[in-house]
Amino acid sequence: MEESTMKELEGRLQDLRPVLLTERDNSFLDLFDEFMQQREFELALHAVCDFILDPDSPPVSRAILDQIQRLHILMRIDDHCVEKLQRLNSG
């Protein structure tokens, strides 16, 4: 992957970091930070997804879900994460 693409991914993922800043324990945030430091961007993205899917997490905006979907497309990740998030958000 090109360095410019890596920088773009890193920036877009860092934009999602505030989602993890809650009063809850920081285990997801710690994981996210560690994955970002290691440039494990797919794992960092899934830390955000797992956090949002956790029943104790606060709801997120449609914009955040769209951002996550765009990252999945950009990173060519074909899993069911986005569908799960959309189901959670719709109902």
Protein backbone atom coordinates (compact mmCIF):
# COMPACT_ATOMS: atom_id res chain seq x y z
CA MET A 1 0.00 0.00 0.00
CA GLU A 2 1.32 3.45 -0.87
CA GLU A 3 2.56 5.73 1.90
CA SER A 4 -0.01 8.40 0.95
CA THR A 5 -2.80 5.83 1.25
CA MET A 6 -1.43 4.70 4.61
CA LYS A 7 -1.42 8.32 5.84
CA GLU A 8 -5.00 8.80 4.63
CA LEU A 9 -6.13 5.63 6.41
CA GLU A 10 -4.34 6.69 9.56
CA GLY A 11 -6.03 10.09 9.50
CA ARG A 12 -9.48 8.67 8.86
CA LEU A 13 -9.07 6.13 11.63
CA GLN A 14 -7.84 8.79 14.07
CA ASP A 15 -11.05 10.70 13.26
CA LEU A 16 -12.95 7.75 14.80
CA ARG A 17 -10.91 7.75 18.02
CA PRO A 18 -13.28 10.16 19.86
CA VAL A 19 -16.02 7.50 19.60
CA LEU A 20 -13.98 5.46 22.08
CA LEU A 21 -13.61 8.30 24.59
CA THR A 22 -16.35 7.51 27.08
CA GLU A 23 -16.77 7.14 30.81
CA ARG A 24 -16.50 3.37 30.39
CA ASP A 25 -13.32 1.41 30.77
CA ASN A 26 -10.67 2.22 28.21
CA SER A 27 -9.92 -1.28 26.97
CA PHE A 28 -11.18 -0.55 23.43
CA LEU A 29 -9.33 2.77 23.37
CA ASP A 30 -6.12 1.13 24.56
CA LEU A 31 -6.45 -1.56 21.89
CA PHE A 32 -7.15 1.05 19.22
CA ASP A 33 -4.11 3.09 20.20
CA GLU A 34 -1.88 0.02 20.24
CA PHE A 35 -3.10 -1.11 16.82
CA MET A 36 -2.59 2.39 15.40
CA GLN A 37 0.92 2.55 16.81
CA GLN A 38 1.69 -0.78 15.10
CA ARG A 39 -0.04 0.42 11.90
CA GLU A 40 -2.50 -2.47 12.15
CA PHE A 41 -5.28 -0.39 10.64
CA GLU A 42 -7.75 -3.21 10.03
CA LEU A 43 -7.51 -4.27 13.67
CA ALA A 44 -7.91 -0.66 14.80
CA LEU A 45 -11.05 -0.30 12.69
CA HIS A 46 -12.48 -3.48 14.15
CA ALA A 47 -11.76 -2.27 17.67
CA VAL A 48 -14.05 0.68 16.88
CA CYS A 49 -16.70 -1.62 15.37
CA ASP A 50 -16.56 -4.00 18.35
CA PHE A 51 -16.89 -1.07 20.73
CA ILE A 52 -19.99 0.27 18.95
CA LEU A 53 -21.54 -3.21 18.83
CA ASP A 54 -21.03 -3.66 22.56
CA PRO A 55 -24.48 -3.39 24.24
CA ASP A 56 -23.15 -0.94 26.84
CA SER A 57 -21.81 1.52 24.28
CA PRO A 58 -23.61 4.76 23.52
CA PRO A 59 -25.26 5.06 20.11
CA VAL A 60 -23.29 6.68 17.29
CA SER A 61 -24.37 9.01 14.53
CA ARG A 62 -25.13 8.06 10.95
CA ALA A 63 -22.01 10.02 9.94
CA ILE A 64 -19.82 7.71 12.05
CA LEU A 65 -21.42 4.65 10.48
CA ASP A 66 -20.86 6.11 7.02
CA GLN A 67 -17.23 6.79 7.90
CA ILE A 68 -16.79 3.18 9.03
CA GLN A 69 -18.41 1.92 5.84
CA ARG A 70 -16.11 4.08 3.69
CA LEU A 71 -13.07 2.73 5.54
CA HIS A 72 -14.20 -0.85 4.96
CA ILE A 73 -14.48 -0.09 1.25
CA LEU A 74 -11.17 1.75 1.09
CA MET A 75 -9.40 -1.06 2.94
CA ARG A 76 -11.21 -3.72 0.88
CA ILE A 77 -12.52 -5.43 4.00
CA ASP A 78 -15.42 -7.69 3.14
CA ASP A 79 -17.02 -8.76 6.39
CA HIS A 80 -20.40 -8.32 8.05
CA CYS A 81 -19.33 -5.54 10.40
CA VAL A 82 -21.07 -2.71 8.52
CA GLU A 83 -24.31 -4.69 8.17
CA LYS A 84 -24.32 -5.42 11.91
CA LEU A 85 -23.76 -1.75 12.70
CA GLN A 86 -26.53 -0.68 10.36
CA ARG A 87 -28.94 -3.19 11.90
CA LEU A 88 -28.06 -1.99 15.37
CA ASN A 89 -28.59 1.62 14.32
CA SER A 90 -31.93 0.96 12.63
CA GLY A 91 -33.56 -0.98 15.30
